[in-house]
Amino acid sequence: MSDARRTRGRLDSLELLPDEAQDDVRWAVGQLNERRRSAADILFELNDRLEVKGIDPVSKSAFYRRSARLAKRSMQLEERRFIYAGIAEKLTPEEIAKSDIVLGEFLKVLIDELLDSDGIEPKGAMELARAYKDTIVAQRHSAEHRRKAEDEARGKLQEVAKEVGAVARKAGVTQETLDEINRRLGVI
């Protein structure tokens, strides 16, 4: 797409519905997402609900366009769910700080949504790819930093446990009591 900006265009009958119809629209979207009934059946029931409220019906074309967009988005989300499920075990708090997970996943979803938009140019796609790579690298660095900090803490804890053991033996503490102290410290 060139420098010409895309406009939203004319509002369709779904977008023109008043606030009191929004619950019905959400219901219809939920029904579409369940994928148990036909779009025609859902539209018929939606228009019945609107008629009871004295609201003009939604056009078939507007409803089917919305239905197609929802189906496309649903398939994309399902595909992403499978992709991310393959790496989910690596995205645990033990491996990466929780805030990094949230930020990284948010950026990935944002990049995915931008890629789904119609107006992305090669330069924009390249920038998104770099942003995605940088997010993954940042998550990896965060995980490495956390592992290193945990290893240092574990080493210091073992040193403390040795010192406590030496002092405890001099004071005449039993091995059973010393083992309990080490258990509570997390050394054993």
N, C-alpha and C. Protein backbone atom coordinates (compact mmCIF):
# COMPACT_ATOMS: atom_id res chain seq x y z
N MET A 1 0.85 -1.18 0.00
CA MET A 1 0.00 0.00 0.00
C MET A 1 0.89 1.23 0.00
N SER A 2 0.54 2.23 -0.79
CA SER A 2 1.34 3.45 -0.89
C SER A 2 1.06 4.36 0.28
N ASP A 3 1.45 5.62 0.11
CA ASP A 3 1.25 6.60 1.18
C ASP A 3 -0.21 6.96 1.40
N ALA A 4 -1.05 6.58 0.48
CA ALA A 4 -2.48 6.89 0.64
C ALA A 4 -3.00 6.18 1.88
N ARG A 5 -3.69 6.92 2.71
CA ARG A 5 -4.19 6.35 3.96
C ARG A 5 -5.53 5.67 3.72
N ARG A 6 -5.68 4.51 4.36
CA ARG A 6 -6.96 3.81 4.31
C ARG A 6 -7.88 4.46 5.31
N THR A 7 -9.10 4.65 4.88
CA THR A 7 -10.08 5.20 5.81
C THR A 7 -11.01 4.08 6.26
N ARG A 8 -11.71 4.35 7.31
CA ARG A 8 -12.61 3.35 7.86
C ARG A 8 -13.77 3.08 6.92
N GLY A 9 -14.14 4.06 6.14
CA GLY A 9 -15.26 3.88 5.22
C GLY A 9 -16.59 4.11 5.91
N ARG A 10 -17.63 3.78 5.20
CA ARG A 10 -18.98 3.97 5.73
C ARG A 10 -19.28 2.94 6.82
N LEU A 11 -19.97 3.37 7.84
CA LEU A 11 -20.34 2.47 8.93
C LEU A 11 -21.42 1.51 8.45
N ASP A 12 -21.31 0.23 8.86
CA ASP A 12 -22.32 -0.73 8.47
C ASP A 12 -23.41 -0.79 9.55
N SER A 13 -24.43 -1.60 9.29
CA SER A 13 -25.58 -1.62 10.19
C SER A 13 -25.22 -2.16 11.58
N LEU A 14 -24.22 -2.99 11.69
CA LEU A 14 -23.78 -3.48 12.99
C LEU A 14 -23.15 -2.34 13.80
N GLU A 15 -22.35 -1.54 13.14
CA GLU A 15 -21.67 -0.43 13.81
C GLU A 15 -22.63 0.71 14.17
N LEU A 16 -23.75 0.77 13.49
CA LEU A 16 -24.72 1.84 13.75
C LEU A 16 -25.74 1.48 14.83
N LEU A 17 -25.65 0.28 15.38
CA LEU A 17 -26.61 -0.13 16.41
C LEU A 17 -26.44 0.72 17.67
N PRO A 18 -27.55 1.04 18.33
CA PRO A 18 -27.46 1.84 19.56
C PRO A 18 -26.88 1.03 20.72
N ASP A 19 -26.56 1.72 21.81
CA ASP A 19 -25.95 1.08 22.98
C ASP A 19 -26.80 -0.07 23.54
N GLU A 20 -28.11 0.09 23.52
CA GLU A 20 -28.96 -0.96 24.10
C GLU A 20 -28.91 -2.26 23.30
N ALA A 21 -28.32 -2.25 22.11
CA ALA A 21 -28.21 -3.46 21.30
C ALA A 21 -26.86 -4.15 21.47
N GLN A 22 -25.94 -3.53 22.19
CA GLN A 22 -24.58 -4.08 22.28
C GLN A 22 -24.52 -5.43 22.99
N ASP A 23 -25.40 -5.65 23.96
CA ASP A 23 -25.44 -6.97 24.62
C ASP A 23 -25.82 -8.05 23.61
N ASP A 24 -26.74 -7.72 22.73
CA ASP A 24 -27.16 -8.68 21.70
C ASP A 24 -26.03 -8.93 20.70
N VAL A 25 -25.29 -7.90 20.37
CA VAL A 25 -24.16 -8.07 19.45
C VAL A 25 -23.10 -8.96 20.10
N ARG A 26 -22.82 -8.71 21.39
CA ARG A 26 -21.85 -9.56 22.10
C ARG A 26 -22.34 -11.02 22.13
N TRP A 27 -23.64 -11.20 22.34
CA TRP A 27 -24.20 -12.55 22.33
C TRP A 27 -23.93 -13.20 20.97
N ALA A 28 -24.21 -12.47 19.89
CA ALA A 28 -24.04 -13.01 18.54
C ALA A 28 -22.57 -13.36 18.28
N VAL A 29 -21.68 -12.48 18.71
CA VAL A 29 -20.25 -12.75 18.52
C VAL A 29 -19.85 -14.01 19.29
N GLY A 30 -20.37 -14.14 20.51
CA GLY A 30 -20.10 -15.35 21.29
C GLY A 30 -20.59 -16.60 20.59
N GLN A 31 -21.78 -16.51 20.01
CA GLN A 31 -22.34 -17.64 19.28
C GLN A 31 -21.48 -17.98 18.06
N LEU A 32 -21.03 -16.95 17.36
CA LEU A 32 -20.16 -17.19 16.20
C LEU A 32 -18.86 -17.87 16.64
N ASN A 33 -18.29 -17.42 17.76
CA ASN A 33 -17.04 -17.99 18.24
C ASN A 33 -17.19 -19.43 18.68
N GLU A 34 -18.38 -19.82 19.16
CA GLU A 34 -18.60 -21.21 19.57
C GLU A 34 -18.62 -22.15 18.37
N ARG A 35 -19.00 -21.63 17.20
CA ARG A 35 -19.00 -22.39 15.95
C ARG A 35 -19.87 -23.64 16.02
N ARG A 36 -21.03 -23.51 16.68
CA ARG A 36 -21.97 -24.63 16.77
C ARG A 36 -23.20 -24.42 15.88
N ARG A 37 -23.46 -23.15 15.55
CA ARG A 37 -24.64 -22.81 14.76
C ARG A 37 -24.20 -22.07 13.51
N SER A 38 -25.09 -22.08 12.54
CA SER A 38 -24.77 -21.36 11.29
C SER A 38 -24.90 -19.86 11.52
N ALA A 39 -24.17 -19.10 10.73
CA ALA A 39 -24.23 -17.64 10.81
C ALA A 39 -25.64 -17.16 10.48
N ALA A 40 -26.29 -17.82 9.53
CA ALA A 40 -27.65 -17.42 9.15
C ALA A 40 -28.61 -17.59 10.34
N ASP A 41 -28.47 -18.67 11.06
CA ASP A 41 -29.31 -18.93 12.23
C ASP A 41 -29.07 -17.88 13.32
N ILE A 42 -27.82 -17.57 13.55
CA ILE A 42 -27.46 -16.57 14.57
C ILE A 42 -27.99 -15.19 14.17
N LEU A 43 -27.83 -14.84 12.89
CA LEU A 43 -28.33 -13.55 12.40
C LEU A 43 -29.84 -13.47 12.57
N PHE A 44 -30.53 -14.55 12.24
CA PHE A 44 -31.99 -14.56 12.38
C PHE A 44 -32.38 -14.28 13.83
N GLU A 45 -31.72 -14.98 14.78
CA GLU A 45 -32.05 -14.78 16.19
C GLU A 45 -31.63 -13.39 16.68
N LEU A 46 -30.50 -12.89 16.20
CA LEU A 46 -30.06 -11.54 16.57
C LEU A 46 -31.10 -10.52 16.12
N ASN A 47 -31.57 -10.64 14.88
CA ASN A 47 -32.56 -9.70 14.38
C ASN A 47 -33.89 -9.81 15.14
N ASP A 48 -34.25 -11.02 15.58
CA ASP A 48 -35.43 -11.18 16.43
C ASP A 48 -35.26 -10.43 17.75
N ARG A 49 -34.09 -10.55 18.35
CA ARG A 49 -33.81 -9.87 19.61
C ARG A 49 -33.88 -8.35 19.43
N LEU A 50 -33.34 -7.89 18.30
CA LEU A 50 -33.34 -6.44 18.03
C LEU A 50 -34.78 -5.95 17.79
N GLU A 51 -35.57 -6.76 17.09
CA GLU A 51 -36.95 -6.38 16.80
C GLU A 51 -37.76 -6.20 18.09
N VAL A 52 -37.53 -7.06 19.07
CA VAL A 52 -38.21 -6.96 20.36
C VAL A 52 -37.88 -5.62 21.02
N LYS A 53 -36.69 -5.12 20.80
CA LYS A 53 -36.27 -3.84 21.38
C LYS A 53 -36.64 -2.65 20.49
N GLY A 54 -37.25 -2.93 19.35
CA GLY A 54 -37.64 -1.86 18.44
C GLY A 54 -36.47 -1.30 17.64
N ILE A 55 -35.47 -2.11 17.39
CA ILE A 55 -34.27 -1.68 16.66
C ILE A 55 -34.28 -2.34 15.28
N ASP A 56 -33.87 -1.57 14.26
CA ASP A 56 -33.82 -2.09 12.90
C ASP A 56 -32.88 -3.29 12.81
N PRO A 57 -33.18 -4.23 11.91
CA PRO A 57 -32.35 -5.43 11.80
C PRO A 57 -30.97 -5.13 11.21
N VAL A 58 -30.06 -6.06 11.45
CA VAL A 58 -28.71 -5.98 10.90
C VAL A 58 -28.75 -6.60 9.51
N SER A 59 -28.05 -5.99 8.58
CA SER A 59 -28.03 -6.53 7.21
C SER A 59 -27.19 -7.81 7.14
N LYS A 60 -27.56 -8.66 6.20
CA LYS A 60 -26.81 -9.90 6.00
C LYS A 60 -25.35 -9.62 5.68
N SER A 61 -25.13 -8.65 4.79
CA SER A 61 -23.76 -8.39 4.35
C SER A 61 -22.89 -7.93 5.51
N ALA A 62 -23.40 -7.03 6.34
CA ALA A 62 -22.62 -6.55 7.48
C ALA A 62 -22.33 -7.69 8.45
N PHE A 63 -23.35 -8.51 8.71
CA PHE A 63 -23.17 -9.60 9.65
C PHE A 63 -22.18 -10.64 9.11
N TYR A 64 -22.29 -10.97 7.83
CA TYR A 64 -21.40 -11.96 7.25
C TYR A 64 -19.96 -11.45 7.15
N ARG A 65 -19.79 -10.14 6.91
CA ARG A 65 -18.43 -9.57 6.93
C ARG A 65 -17.83 -9.71 8.32
N ARG A 66 -18.63 -9.37 9.34
CA ARG A 66 -18.15 -9.51 10.71
C ARG A 66 -17.85 -10.97 11.03
N SER A 67 -18.73 -11.85 10.59
CA SER A 67 -18.54 -13.27 10.81
C SER A 67 -17.24 -13.76 10.17
N ALA A 68 -16.96 -13.33 8.96
CA ALA A 68 -15.74 -13.73 8.26
C ALA A 68 -14.50 -13.21 8.99
N ARG A 69 -14.55 -11.95 9.46
CA ARG A 69 -13.41 -11.39 10.20
C ARG A 69 -13.18 -12.17 11.50
N LEU A 70 -14.27 -12.49 12.18
CA LEU A 70 -14.14 -13.25 13.43
C LEU A 70 -13.58 -14.66 13.17
N ALA A 71 -14.03 -15.29 12.12
CA ALA A 71 -13.54 -16.63 11.79
C ALA A 71 -12.05 -16.59 11.46
N LYS A 72 -11.65 -15.57 10.70
CA LYS A 72 -10.23 -15.42 10.36
C LYS A 72 -9.41 -15.21 11.62
N ARG A 73 -9.86 -14.30 12.49
CA ARG A 73 -9.14 -14.01 13.73
C ARG A 73 -9.09 -15.25 14.63
N SER A 74 -10.18 -15.98 14.69
CA SER A 74 -10.24 -17.19 15.51
C SER A 74 -9.24 -18.23 15.03
N MET A 75 -9.16 -18.41 13.71
CA MET A 75 -8.20 -19.37 13.16
C MET A 75 -6.77 -18.92 13.44
N GLN A 76 -6.50 -17.61 13.32
CA GLN A 76 -5.16 -17.10 13.60
C GLN A 76 -4.79 -17.31 15.06
N LEU A 77 -5.73 -17.04 15.96
CA LEU A 77 -5.45 -17.22 17.38
C LEU A 77 -5.21 -18.69 17.71
N GLU A 78 -5.99 -19.57 17.10
CA GLU A 78 -5.79 -21.00 17.31
C GLU A 78 -4.41 -21.43 16.82
N GLU A 79 -4.02 -20.94 15.66
CA GLU A 79 -2.71 -21.26 15.11
C GLU A 79 -1.61 -20.75 16.04
N ARG A 80 -1.75 -19.53 16.52
CA ARG A 80 -0.75 -18.96 17.44
C ARG A 80 -0.71 -19.74 18.74
N ARG A 81 -1.86 -20.19 19.20
CA ARG A 81 -1.91 -20.97 20.44
C ARG A 81 -1.06 -22.23 20.29
N PHE A 82 -1.16 -22.90 19.14
CA PHE A 82 -0.35 -24.10 18.91
C PHE A 82 1.13 -23.75 18.83
N ILE A 83 1.45 -22.65 18.18
CA ILE A 83 2.85 -22.24 18.07
C ILE A 83 3.41 -21.93 19.45
N TYR A 84 2.69 -21.14 20.23
CA TYR A 84 3.19 -20.73 21.55
C TYR A 84 3.16 -21.89 22.54
N ALA A 85 2.28 -22.87 22.33
CA ALA A 85 2.24 -24.02 23.23
C ALA A 85 3.55 -24.79 23.16
N GLY A 86 4.18 -24.78 22.00
CA GLY A 86 5.45 -25.48 21.85
C GLY A 86 6.58 -24.87 22.66
N ILE A 87 6.46 -23.60 22.98
CA ILE A 87 7.51 -22.96 23.77
C ILE A 87 7.06 -22.60 25.18
N ALA A 88 5.83 -22.96 25.52
CA ALA A 88 5.26 -22.56 26.81
C ALA A 88 6.07 -23.06 27.99
N GLU A 89 6.59 -24.28 27.90
CA GLU A 89 7.33 -24.80 29.05
C GLU A 89 8.61 -24.01 29.31
N LYS A 90 9.09 -23.30 28.32
CA LYS A 90 10.28 -22.47 28.50
C LYS A 90 9.92 -21.09 29.06
N LEU A 91 8.65 -20.79 29.12
CA LEU A 91 8.21 -19.47 29.58
C LEU A 91 7.64 -19.54 31.00
N THR A 92 8.31 -20.28 31.85
CA THR A 92 7.86 -20.39 33.23
C THR A 92 8.61 -19.38 34.09
N PRO A 93 8.05 -19.05 35.25
CA PRO A 93 8.74 -18.10 36.14
C PRO A 93 10.13 -18.56 36.55
N GLU A 94 10.35 -19.88 36.56
CA GLU A 94 11.67 -20.37 36.91
C GLU A 94 12.69 -20.00 35.84
N GLU A 95 12.27 -19.86 34.62
CA GLU A 95 13.19 -19.56 33.53
C GLU A 95 13.29 -18.06 33.23
N ILE A 96 12.20 -17.37 33.36
CA ILE A 96 12.16 -15.96 32.98
C ILE A 96 11.31 -15.21 33.99
N ALA A 97 11.68 -13.99 34.30
CA ALA A 97 10.88 -13.18 35.22
C ALA A 97 9.48 -12.98 34.64
N LYS A 98 8.47 -12.98 35.51
CA LYS A 98 7.09 -12.88 35.05
C LYS A 98 6.83 -11.63 34.23
N SER A 99 7.41 -10.53 34.63
CA SER A 99 7.17 -9.29 33.88
C SER A 99 7.72 -9.39 32.46
N ASP A 100 8.83 -10.10 32.29
CA ASP A 100 9.40 -10.28 30.95
C ASP A 100 8.49 -11.14 30.09
N ILE A 101 7.87 -12.14 30.71
CA ILE A 101 6.95 -13.00 29.96
C ILE A 101 5.78 -12.18 29.46
N VAL A 102 5.19 -11.42 30.37
CA VAL A 102 4.02 -10.63 30.01
C VAL A 102 4.38 -9.64 28.91
N LEU A 103 5.47 -8.91 29.09
CA LEU A 103 5.87 -7.93 28.09
C LEU A 103 6.20 -8.59 26.76
N GLY A 104 6.95 -9.67 26.81
CA GLY A 104 7.32 -10.37 25.58
C GLY A 104 6.12 -10.89 24.82
N GLU A 105 5.19 -11.53 25.54
CA GLU A 105 4.00 -12.07 24.89
C GLU A 105 3.11 -10.95 24.36
N PHE A 106 3.02 -9.86 25.10
CA PHE A 106 2.24 -8.70 24.63
C PHE A 106 2.83 -8.19 23.31
N LEU A 107 4.16 -8.05 23.26
CA LEU A 107 4.80 -7.55 22.04
C LEU A 107 4.58 -8.52 20.88
N LYS A 108 4.65 -9.82 21.15
CA LYS A 108 4.44 -10.80 20.08
C LYS A 108 3.02 -10.70 19.52
N VAL A 109 2.04 -10.58 20.41
CA VAL A 109 0.65 -10.46 19.96
C VAL A 109 0.47 -9.18 19.16
N LEU A 110 1.07 -8.08 19.65
CA LEU A 110 0.98 -6.81 18.94
C LEU A 110 1.60 -6.93 17.55
N ILE A 111 2.75 -7.56 17.46
CA ILE A 111 3.40 -7.75 16.16
C ILE A 111 2.52 -8.60 15.26
N ASP A 112 1.95 -9.68 15.81
CA ASP A 112 1.05 -10.52 15.01
C ASP A 112 -0.13 -9.71 14.47
N GLU A 113 -0.71 -8.86 15.32
CA GLU A 113 -1.85 -8.06 14.88
C GLU A 113 -1.44 -7.07 13.80
N LEU A 114 -0.27 -6.47 13.94
CA LEU A 114 0.20 -5.54 12.92
C LEU A 114 0.45 -6.25 11.61
N LEU A 115 0.97 -7.46 11.68
CA LEU A 115 1.20 -8.23 10.45
C LEU A 115 -0.11 -8.59 9.77
N ASP A 116 -1.17 -8.74 10.57
CA ASP A 116 -2.47 -9.08 10.01
C ASP A 116 -3.11 -7.90 9.28
N SER A 117 -2.68 -6.69 9.61
CA SER A 117 -3.29 -5.53 8.95
C SER A 117 -2.87 -5.50 7.49
N ASP A 118 -3.72 -4.89 6.69
CA ASP A 118 -3.51 -4.92 5.24
C ASP A 118 -2.37 -4.03 4.75
N GLY A 119 -2.05 -2.99 5.47
CA GLY A 119 -1.15 -1.98 4.92
C GLY A 119 0.31 -2.11 5.28
N ILE A 120 0.81 -3.29 5.63
CA ILE A 120 2.21 -3.41 6.03
C ILE A 120 3.10 -3.49 4.79
N GLU A 121 4.13 -2.69 4.80
CA GLU A 121 5.09 -2.65 3.70
C GLU A 121 6.32 -3.45 4.08
N PRO A 122 7.20 -3.76 3.12
CA PRO A 122 8.40 -4.56 3.44
C PRO A 122 9.25 -3.96 4.57
N LYS A 123 9.42 -2.65 4.56
CA LYS A 123 10.21 -2.02 5.61
C LYS A 123 9.55 -2.22 6.98
N GLY A 124 8.25 -2.09 7.04
CA GLY A 124 7.53 -2.29 8.28
C GLY A 124 7.64 -3.73 8.75
N ALA A 125 7.55 -4.68 7.81
CA ALA A 125 7.68 -6.09 8.17
C ALA A 125 9.08 -6.37 8.72
N MET A 126 10.09 -5.75 8.12
CA MET A 126 11.46 -5.93 8.60
C MET A 126 11.62 -5.37 10.02
N GLU A 127 11.03 -4.21 10.27
CA GLU A 127 11.10 -3.62 11.61
C GLU A 127 10.38 -4.49 12.63
N LEU A 128 9.24 -5.07 12.24
CA LEU A 128 8.53 -5.98 13.14
C LEU A 128 9.35 -7.23 13.43
N ALA A 129 10.02 -7.75 12.40
CA ALA A 129 10.87 -8.92 12.60
C ALA A 129 12.00 -8.61 13.58
N ARG A 130 12.60 -7.43 13.44
CA ARG A 130 13.67 -7.02 14.37
C ARG A 130 13.12 -6.88 15.79
N ALA A 131 11.94 -6.29 15.92
CA ALA A 131 11.33 -6.13 17.24
C ALA A 131 11.06 -7.50 17.87
N TYR A 132 10.59 -8.43 17.07
CA TYR A 132 10.32 -9.78 17.58
C TYR A 132 11.63 -10.44 18.03
N LYS A 133 12.66 -10.33 17.21
CA LYS A 133 13.97 -10.91 17.55
C LYS A 133 14.51 -10.29 18.83
N ASP A 134 14.42 -8.97 18.94
CA ASP A 134 14.91 -8.28 20.13
C ASP A 134 14.15 -8.71 21.37
N THR A 135 12.85 -8.97 21.23
CA THR A 135 12.05 -9.44 22.36
C THR A 135 12.53 -10.81 22.83
N ILE A 136 12.78 -11.71 21.89
CA ILE A 136 13.25 -13.05 22.22
C ILE A 136 14.63 -12.97 22.88
N VAL A 137 15.53 -12.15 22.33
CA VAL A 137 16.87 -12.00 22.90
C VAL A 137 16.78 -11.44 24.31
N ALA A 138 15.91 -10.45 24.53
CA ALA A 138 15.76 -9.87 25.86
C ALA A 138 15.23 -10.91 26.85
N GLN A 139 14.30 -11.75 26.43
CA GLN A 139 13.79 -12.79 27.30
C GLN A 139 14.91 -13.79 27.65
N ARG A 140 15.73 -14.13 26.66
CA ARG A 140 16.82 -15.08 26.91
C ARG A 140 17.83 -14.48 27.89
N HIS A 141 18.18 -13.20 27.70
CA HIS A 141 19.13 -12.54 28.61
C HIS A 141 18.56 -12.48 30.02
N SER A 142 17.29 -12.20 30.12
CA SER A 142 16.65 -12.14 31.42
C SER A 142 16.72 -13.50 32.10
N ALA A 143 16.46 -14.56 31.35
CA ALA A 143 16.51 -15.91 31.91
C ALA A 143 17.93 -16.25 32.35
N GLU A 144 18.93 -15.90 31.55
CA GLU A 144 20.32 -16.17 31.91
C GLU A 144 20.72 -15.39 33.16
N HIS A 145 20.32 -14.15 33.23
CA HIS A 145 20.63 -13.32 34.41
C HIS A 145 19.99 -13.91 35.66
N ARG A 146 18.75 -14.34 35.53
CA ARG A 146 18.06 -14.93 36.68
C ARG A 146 18.74 -16.22 37.13
N ARG A 147 19.11 -17.07 36.17
CA ARG A 147 19.81 -18.31 36.51
C ARG A 147 21.12 -18.03 37.23
N LYS A 148 21.86 -17.06 36.72
CA LYS A 148 23.14 -16.70 37.33
C LYS A 148 22.92 -16.21 38.77
N ALA A 149 21.92 -15.36 38.98
CA ALA A 149 21.63 -14.85 40.32
C ALA A 149 21.20 -15.98 41.25
N GLU A 150 20.40 -16.93 40.74
CA GLU A 150 19.99 -18.06 41.57
C GLU A 150 21.18 -18.94 41.94
N ASP A 151 22.09 -19.16 40.98
CA ASP A 151 23.29 -19.96 41.27
C ASP A 151 24.16 -19.28 42.33
N GLU A 152 24.33 -17.96 42.23
CA GLU A 152 25.10 -17.23 43.24
C GLU A 152 24.44 -17.33 44.61
N ALA A 153 23.14 -17.17 44.65
CA ALA A 153 22.42 -17.26 45.93
C ALA A 153 22.54 -18.66 46.52
N ARG A 154 22.45 -19.69 45.67
CA ARG A 154 22.59 -21.06 46.14
C ARG A 154 23.99 -21.29 46.71
N GLY A 155 25.02 -20.76 46.04
CA GLY A 155 26.39 -20.89 46.53
C GLY A 155 26.58 -20.21 47.88
N LYS A 156 26.03 -19.00 48.03
CA LYS A 156 26.13 -18.29 49.31
C LYS A 156 25.40 -19.03 50.41
N LEU A 157 24.25 -19.61 50.09
CA LEU A 157 23.48 -20.36 51.06
C LEU A 157 24.27 -21.58 51.55
N GLN A 158 24.95 -22.25 50.64
CA GLN A 158 25.76 -23.41 51.03
C GLN A 158 26.92 -22.99 51.92
N GLU A 159 27.52 -21.83 51.63
CA GLU A 159 28.59 -21.31 52.50
C GLU A 159 28.05 -21.02 53.90
N VAL A 160 26.88 -20.39 53.96
CA VAL A 160 26.25 -20.09 55.26
C VAL A 160 25.97 -21.39 56.00
N ALA A 161 25.47 -22.40 55.29
CA ALA A 161 25.16 -23.68 55.92
C ALA A 161 26.41 -24.33 56.51
N LYS A 162 27.55 -24.22 55.80
CA LYS A 162 28.80 -24.77 56.32
C LYS A 162 29.21 -24.05 57.61
N GLU A 163 29.12 -22.73 57.60
CA GLU A 163 29.48 -21.94 58.78
C GLU A 163 28.55 -22.26 59.95
N VAL A 164 27.26 -22.35 59.68
CA VAL A 164 26.30 -22.68 60.73
C VAL A 164 26.63 -24.07 61.29
N GLY A 165 26.96 -25.00 60.42
CA GLY A 165 27.31 -26.36 60.85
C GLY A 165 28.53 -26.37 61.75
N ALA A 166 29.56 -25.60 61.37
CA ALA A 166 30.78 -25.55 62.19
C ALA A 166 30.47 -24.97 63.56
N VAL A 167 29.73 -23.88 63.62
CA VAL A 167 29.39 -23.25 64.90
C VAL A 167 28.49 -24.18 65.71
N ALA A 168 27.55 -24.84 65.05
CA ALA A 168 26.62 -25.72 65.75
C ALA A 168 27.35 -26.91 66.37
N ARG A 169 28.33 -27.47 65.67
CA ARG A 169 29.09 -28.61 66.21
C ARG A 169 29.88 -28.19 67.44
N LYS A 170 30.50 -26.98 67.37
CA LYS A 170 31.26 -26.49 68.53
C LYS A 170 30.34 -26.27 69.72
N ALA A 171 29.09 -25.89 69.45
CA ALA A 171 28.14 -25.62 70.53
C ALA A 171 27.47 -26.89 71.03
N GLY A 172 27.76 -28.02 70.38
CA GLY A 172 27.20 -29.28 70.84
C GLY A 172 25.81 -29.60 70.31
N VAL A 173 25.43 -28.98 69.20
CA VAL A 173 24.13 -29.24 68.58
C VAL A 173 24.17 -30.61 67.92
N THR A 174 23.10 -31.37 68.08
CA THR A 174 23.04 -32.71 67.49
C THR A 174 22.94 -32.63 65.97
N GLN A 175 23.32 -33.73 65.33
CA GLN A 175 23.25 -33.81 63.87
C GLN A 175 21.80 -33.69 63.40
N GLU A 176 20.87 -34.24 64.17
CA GLU A 176 19.45 -34.17 63.82
C GLU A 176 18.97 -32.71 63.78
N THR A 177 19.37 -31.93 64.78
CA THR A 177 19.01 -30.51 64.83
C THR A 177 19.67 -29.76 63.68
N LEU A 178 20.92 -30.08 63.41
CA LEU A 178 21.64 -29.43 62.31
C LEU A 178 20.97 -29.76 60.96
N ASP A 179 20.53 -31.00 60.79
CA ASP A 179 19.82 -31.37 59.56
C ASP A 179 18.51 -30.59 59.42
N GLU A 180 17.80 -30.38 60.52
CA GLU A 180 16.56 -29.59 60.49
C GLU A 180 16.85 -28.15 60.10
N ILE A 181 17.91 -27.58 60.63
CA ILE A 181 18.30 -26.20 60.27
C ILE A 181 18.59 -26.12 58.78
N ASN A 182 19.35 -27.09 58.26
CA ASN A 182 19.68 -27.10 56.83
C ASN A 182 18.44 -27.29 55.96
N ARG A 183 17.48 -28.10 56.44
CA ARG A 183 16.24 -28.28 55.69
C ARG A 183 15.48 -26.96 55.60
N ARG A 184 15.42 -26.25 56.74
CA ARG A 184 14.71 -24.97 56.76
C ARG A 184 15.42 -23.92 55.90
N LEU A 185 16.73 -24.00 55.82
CA LEU A 185 17.47 -23.07 54.96
C LEU A 185 17.32 -23.44 53.48
N GLY A 186 16.90 -24.68 53.25
CA GLY A 186 16.73 -25.11 51.86
C GLY A 186 17.98 -25.72 51.28
N VAL A 187 18.95 -26.05 52.13
CA VAL A 187 20.20 -26.63 51.66
C VAL A 187 20.02 -28.12 51.36
N ILE A 188 19.20 -28.78 52.15
CA ILE A 188 18.98 -30.23 51.95
C ILE A 188 17.71 -30.43 51.15
